[in-house]
Amino acid sequence: MINKVKMTIIRIYKNLKLQKSCFLVLAILLCTTKVSAYIDPGTGGMIVGSIWPFILAILAAIGGFFLRYFFKPIKKILLKLWKLITKSKKGN
C-alpha cells in the first residue's frame, strides 16, 4: 500500500514538473517581440555548403553498407558467369 502511494506521489510530481516546463516554453514563445533582421543572399549558399557534407557522409555510409553486405554475393555470381563464359569460349 505504501509503495502505491509513493508511486502516485512520484507520478504527480513528474506531471507537475512537465507542466511547469511546458508552461515556461509556451510563455517564452508567446512573449517574444518582432525582430527586424537582414539575411543576405550569401547566407543560403553558406547553409547549403554546411549541410552538403553531412548529406554526402550519410550517402557514403549507406553505400558502404550496401557494398559490404551485398557486393560479395553479386561478385560471386558474376565470377561464376565469367568462368562459364570463358570456358564456353575456350571450348569453341
N, C-alpha and C. Protein backbone atom coordinates (compact mmCIF):
# COMPACT_ATOMS: atom_id res chain seq x y z
N MET A 1 0.82 -1.19 0.00
CA MET A 1 0.00 0.00 0.00
C MET A 1 0.86 1.26 0.00
N ILE A 2 1.95 1.22 0.78
CA ILE A 2 2.84 2.38 0.85
C ILE A 2 3.53 2.61 -0.49
N ASN A 3 3.91 1.52 -1.18
CA ASN A 3 4.55 1.65 -2.47
C ASN A 3 3.63 2.30 -3.49
N LYS A 4 2.34 1.96 -3.44
CA LYS A 4 1.38 2.56 -4.36
C LYS A 4 1.26 4.05 -4.11
N VAL A 5 1.27 4.45 -2.85
CA VAL A 5 1.19 5.86 -2.51
C VAL A 5 2.44 6.60 -2.99
N LYS A 6 3.60 5.99 -2.78
CA LYS A 6 4.85 6.58 -3.25
C LYS A 6 4.85 6.74 -4.77
N MET A 7 4.42 5.71 -5.46
CA MET A 7 4.37 5.77 -6.92
C MET A 7 3.41 6.85 -7.40
N THR A 8 2.28 6.99 -6.72
CA THR A 8 1.32 8.02 -7.09
C THR A 8 1.90 9.41 -6.87
N ILE A 9 2.60 9.60 -5.75
CA ILE A 9 3.22 10.90 -5.46
C ILE A 9 4.29 11.21 -6.50
N ILE A 10 5.10 10.22 -6.86
CA ILE A 10 6.14 10.42 -7.86
C ILE A 10 5.51 10.77 -9.21
N ARG A 11 4.45 10.09 -9.59
CA ARG A 11 3.77 10.34 -10.85
C ARG A 11 3.20 11.76 -10.89
N ILE A 12 2.60 12.20 -9.81
CA ILE A 12 2.05 13.56 -9.73
C ILE A 12 3.17 14.59 -9.83
N TYR A 13 4.29 14.34 -9.14
CA TYR A 13 5.43 15.26 -9.19
C TYR A 13 5.97 15.38 -10.60
N LYS A 14 6.11 14.24 -11.30
CA LYS A 14 6.63 14.28 -12.67
C LYS A 14 5.68 15.04 -13.58
N ASN A 15 4.36 14.85 -13.40
CA ASN A 15 3.39 15.57 -14.21
C ASN A 15 3.47 17.07 -13.96
N LEU A 16 3.64 17.47 -12.70
CA LEU A 16 3.76 18.90 -12.38
C LEU A 16 5.03 19.48 -12.98
N LYS A 17 6.11 18.72 -12.91
CA LYS A 17 7.38 19.18 -13.47
C LYS A 17 7.25 19.36 -14.98
N LEU A 18 6.58 18.43 -15.66
CA LEU A 18 6.37 18.54 -17.09
C LEU A 18 5.47 19.72 -17.41
N GLN A 19 4.43 19.93 -16.63
CA GLN A 19 3.52 21.05 -16.86
C GLN A 19 4.24 22.38 -16.67
N LYS A 20 5.10 22.47 -15.66
CA LYS A 20 5.85 23.71 -15.44
C LYS A 20 6.78 24.00 -16.61
N SER A 21 7.46 22.98 -17.10
CA SER A 21 8.39 23.21 -18.20
C SER A 21 7.64 23.56 -19.48
N CYS A 22 6.49 22.93 -19.72
CA CYS A 22 5.69 23.27 -20.91
C CYS A 22 5.16 24.69 -20.81
N PHE A 23 4.73 25.10 -19.61
CA PHE A 23 4.25 26.46 -19.41
C PHE A 23 5.37 27.46 -19.65
N LEU A 24 6.58 27.16 -19.19
CA LEU A 24 7.71 28.05 -19.38
C LEU A 24 8.03 28.22 -20.85
N VAL A 25 8.07 27.13 -21.60
CA VAL A 25 8.36 27.20 -23.04
C VAL A 25 7.27 27.99 -23.76
N LEU A 26 6.01 27.74 -23.41
CA LEU A 26 4.91 28.46 -24.03
C LEU A 26 4.96 29.94 -23.70
N ALA A 27 5.31 30.29 -22.47
CA ALA A 27 5.42 31.69 -22.09
C ALA A 27 6.54 32.39 -22.85
N ILE A 28 7.65 31.72 -23.03
CA ILE A 28 8.76 32.31 -23.77
C ILE A 28 8.37 32.53 -25.22
N LEU A 29 7.68 31.56 -25.82
CA LEU A 29 7.29 31.70 -27.22
C LEU A 29 6.24 32.79 -27.42
N LEU A 30 5.35 32.97 -26.47
CA LEU A 30 4.29 33.96 -26.63
C LEU A 30 4.73 35.38 -26.27
N CYS A 31 5.79 35.51 -25.51
CA CYS A 31 6.24 36.83 -25.06
C CYS A 31 7.38 37.38 -25.91
N THR A 32 7.56 36.89 -27.09
CA THR A 32 8.64 37.39 -27.94
C THR A 32 8.19 38.65 -28.65
N THR A 33 9.15 39.43 -29.08
CA THR A 33 8.86 40.66 -29.81
C THR A 33 9.30 40.49 -31.25
N LYS A 34 8.84 41.39 -32.10
CA LYS A 34 9.19 41.34 -33.52
C LYS A 34 10.65 41.75 -33.69
N VAL A 35 11.36 41.00 -34.48
CA VAL A 35 12.77 41.26 -34.73
C VAL A 35 12.94 41.58 -36.21
N SER A 36 13.61 42.66 -36.50
CA SER A 36 13.91 43.03 -37.88
C SER A 36 15.36 42.65 -38.15
N ALA A 37 15.55 41.59 -38.89
CA ALA A 37 16.91 41.12 -39.18
C ALA A 37 17.07 40.97 -40.69
N TYR A 38 18.27 41.18 -41.15
CA TYR A 38 18.56 41.08 -42.58
C TYR A 38 19.37 39.81 -42.82
N ILE A 39 18.92 39.02 -43.77
CA ILE A 39 19.67 37.83 -44.17
C ILE A 39 20.14 38.07 -45.60
N ASP A 40 21.44 38.17 -45.78
CA ASP A 40 21.95 38.47 -47.11
C ASP A 40 21.89 37.26 -48.02
N PRO A 41 22.03 37.46 -49.34
CA PRO A 41 21.91 36.35 -50.29
C PRO A 41 22.97 35.26 -50.11
N GLY A 42 24.11 35.59 -49.57
CA GLY A 42 25.16 34.59 -49.38
C GLY A 42 24.86 33.60 -48.27
N THR A 43 23.89 33.89 -47.44
CA THR A 43 23.57 33.02 -46.31
C THR A 43 23.02 31.69 -46.80
N GLY A 44 22.19 31.71 -47.84
CA GLY A 44 21.65 30.46 -48.38
C GLY A 44 22.76 29.54 -48.88
N GLY A 45 23.74 30.11 -49.55
CA GLY A 45 24.87 29.31 -50.01
C GLY A 45 25.68 28.76 -48.87
N MET A 46 25.80 29.54 -47.80
CA MET A 46 26.55 29.07 -46.64
C MET A 46 25.81 27.91 -45.97
N ILE A 47 24.49 28.00 -45.88
CA ILE A 47 23.71 26.93 -45.26
C ILE A 47 23.82 25.66 -46.10
N VAL A 48 23.65 25.79 -47.41
CA VAL A 48 23.77 24.62 -48.29
C VAL A 48 25.18 24.05 -48.22
N GLY A 49 26.17 24.92 -48.18
CA GLY A 49 27.55 24.46 -48.10
C GLY A 49 27.88 23.74 -46.81
N SER A 50 27.17 24.08 -45.75
CA SER A 50 27.45 23.39 -44.49
C SER A 50 26.63 22.11 -44.34
N ILE A 51 25.49 22.02 -45.01
CA ILE A 51 24.66 20.82 -44.92
C ILE A 51 25.12 19.76 -45.92
N TRP A 52 25.66 20.17 -47.04
CA TRP A 52 26.06 19.25 -48.10
C TRP A 52 27.02 18.16 -47.65
N PRO A 53 28.06 18.44 -46.85
CA PRO A 53 28.94 17.36 -46.39
C PRO A 53 28.23 16.31 -45.54
N PHE A 54 27.25 16.72 -44.75
CA PHE A 54 26.50 15.75 -43.95
C PHE A 54 25.68 14.82 -44.85
N ILE A 55 25.09 15.38 -45.89
CA ILE A 55 24.31 14.56 -46.84
C ILE A 55 25.24 13.57 -47.54
N LEU A 56 26.40 14.03 -47.96
CA LEU A 56 27.36 13.14 -48.61
C LEU A 56 27.86 12.05 -47.66
N ALA A 57 28.08 12.40 -46.40
CA ALA A 57 28.53 11.41 -45.42
C ALA A 57 27.47 10.33 -45.21
N ILE A 58 26.21 10.73 -45.14
CA ILE A 58 25.13 9.75 -44.98
C ILE A 58 25.05 8.85 -46.20
N LEU A 59 25.13 9.43 -47.40
CA LEU A 59 25.09 8.62 -48.61
C LEU A 59 26.29 7.68 -48.70
N ALA A 60 27.46 8.14 -48.27
CA ALA A 60 28.65 7.29 -48.28
C ALA A 60 28.49 6.13 -47.30
N ALA A 61 27.89 6.39 -46.14
CA ALA A 61 27.66 5.32 -45.16
C ALA A 61 26.68 4.29 -45.71
N ILE A 62 25.63 4.75 -46.36
CA ILE A 62 24.65 3.83 -46.94
C ILE A 62 25.31 3.02 -48.06
N GLY A 63 26.10 3.68 -48.90
CA GLY A 63 26.80 2.98 -49.97
C GLY A 63 27.80 1.96 -49.43
N GLY A 64 28.50 2.32 -48.37
CA GLY A 64 29.43 1.38 -47.75
C GLY A 64 28.72 0.16 -47.18
N PHE A 65 27.56 0.38 -46.58
CA PHE A 65 26.77 -0.73 -46.06
C PHE A 65 26.36 -1.67 -47.18
N PHE A 66 25.85 -1.11 -48.28
CA PHE A 66 25.42 -1.97 -49.38
C PHE A 66 26.60 -2.70 -50.01
N LEU A 67 27.73 -2.02 -50.15
CA LEU A 67 28.89 -2.70 -50.72
C LEU A 67 29.38 -3.81 -49.79
N ARG A 68 29.33 -3.57 -48.51
CA ARG A 68 29.82 -4.57 -47.56
C ARG A 68 28.96 -5.83 -47.57
N TYR A 69 27.65 -5.66 -47.56
CA TYR A 69 26.78 -6.81 -47.37
C TYR A 69 26.18 -7.37 -48.66
N PHE A 70 26.16 -6.60 -49.73
CA PHE A 70 25.53 -7.09 -50.95
C PHE A 70 26.50 -7.27 -52.11
N PHE A 71 27.72 -6.77 -52.00
CA PHE A 71 28.64 -6.86 -53.11
C PHE A 71 29.26 -8.25 -53.22
N LYS A 72 29.52 -8.90 -52.10
CA LYS A 72 30.15 -10.23 -52.14
C LYS A 72 29.29 -11.26 -52.86
N PRO A 73 28.00 -11.37 -52.57
CA PRO A 73 27.18 -12.33 -53.33
C PRO A 73 27.09 -11.99 -54.82
N ILE A 74 26.98 -10.70 -55.12
CA ILE A 74 26.92 -10.30 -56.53
C ILE A 74 28.25 -10.61 -57.22
N LYS A 75 29.35 -10.38 -56.51
CA LYS A 75 30.68 -10.66 -57.07
C LYS A 75 30.84 -12.16 -57.34
N LYS A 76 30.35 -13.00 -56.43
CA LYS A 76 30.44 -14.45 -56.64
C LYS A 76 29.65 -14.87 -57.87
N ILE A 77 28.44 -14.33 -58.02
CA ILE A 77 27.62 -14.68 -59.18
C ILE A 77 28.28 -14.22 -60.47
N LEU A 78 28.84 -13.01 -60.47
CA LEU A 78 29.50 -12.51 -61.67
C LEU A 78 30.75 -13.31 -62.01
N LEU A 79 31.50 -13.74 -61.00
CA LEU A 79 32.69 -14.57 -61.26
C LEU A 79 32.31 -15.93 -61.83
N LYS A 80 31.22 -16.52 -61.34
CA LYS A 80 30.76 -17.80 -61.89
C LYS A 80 30.34 -17.64 -63.34
N LEU A 81 29.62 -16.56 -63.62
CA LEU A 81 29.23 -16.30 -65.01
C LEU A 81 30.44 -16.07 -65.90
N TRP A 82 31.42 -15.33 -65.40
CA TRP A 82 32.64 -15.06 -66.17
C TRP A 82 33.39 -16.37 -66.48
N LYS A 83 33.46 -17.26 -65.48
CA LYS A 83 34.13 -18.55 -65.70
C LYS A 83 33.37 -19.39 -66.72
N LEU A 84 32.05 -19.38 -66.65
CA LEU A 84 31.26 -20.13 -67.63
C LEU A 84 31.46 -19.57 -69.03
N ILE A 85 31.50 -18.25 -69.15
CA ILE A 85 31.69 -17.63 -70.47
C ILE A 85 33.08 -17.96 -71.01
N THR A 86 34.11 -17.87 -70.18
CA THR A 86 35.47 -18.15 -70.66
C THR A 86 35.62 -19.64 -71.00
N LYS A 87 34.98 -20.53 -70.26
CA LYS A 87 35.05 -21.95 -70.59
C LYS A 87 34.35 -22.26 -71.90
N SER A 88 33.22 -21.60 -72.12
CA SER A 88 32.48 -21.85 -73.37
C SER A 88 33.25 -21.29 -74.55
N LYS A 89 33.98 -20.19 -74.39
CA LYS A 89 34.76 -19.63 -75.49
C LYS A 89 35.97 -20.51 -75.79
N LYS A 90 36.58 -21.09 -74.76
CA LYS A 90 37.73 -21.96 -74.98
C LYS A 90 37.31 -23.27 -75.66
N GLY A 91 36.11 -23.70 -75.34
CA GLY A 91 35.60 -24.94 -75.92
C GLY A 91 35.29 -24.79 -77.41
N ASN A 92 34.93 -23.60 -77.87
CA ASN A 92 34.58 -23.39 -79.29
C ASN A 92 35.78 -23.17 -80.08
